[in-house]
Amino acid sequence: MPTRLASLAMGTGDVDCVYHFALPELMDSLQALEMEENAELLETMVAGKRLKDISDLPLDLAV
């Protein structure tokens, strides 16, 4: 559930960001199921760099 991801990614501030192994697929499925509120929540987390795709992890570790 996107709300559970939000509690991790936007919770207490102890975590910089959360990496998801299937983020594009999750976003596509929410749009296909017309779960607009959850899709907007994910988009907010991605735009705020609190939720990232797992493919971003190697690049973030290299910096």
Foldseek 3Di string as FASTA:
>chain_A
DLVVLCCVLVNPPPDPAEEDAPVVVVLVVCVVVVVVVSNVSSVVCVVVVRYYYPVCVVVVVVD
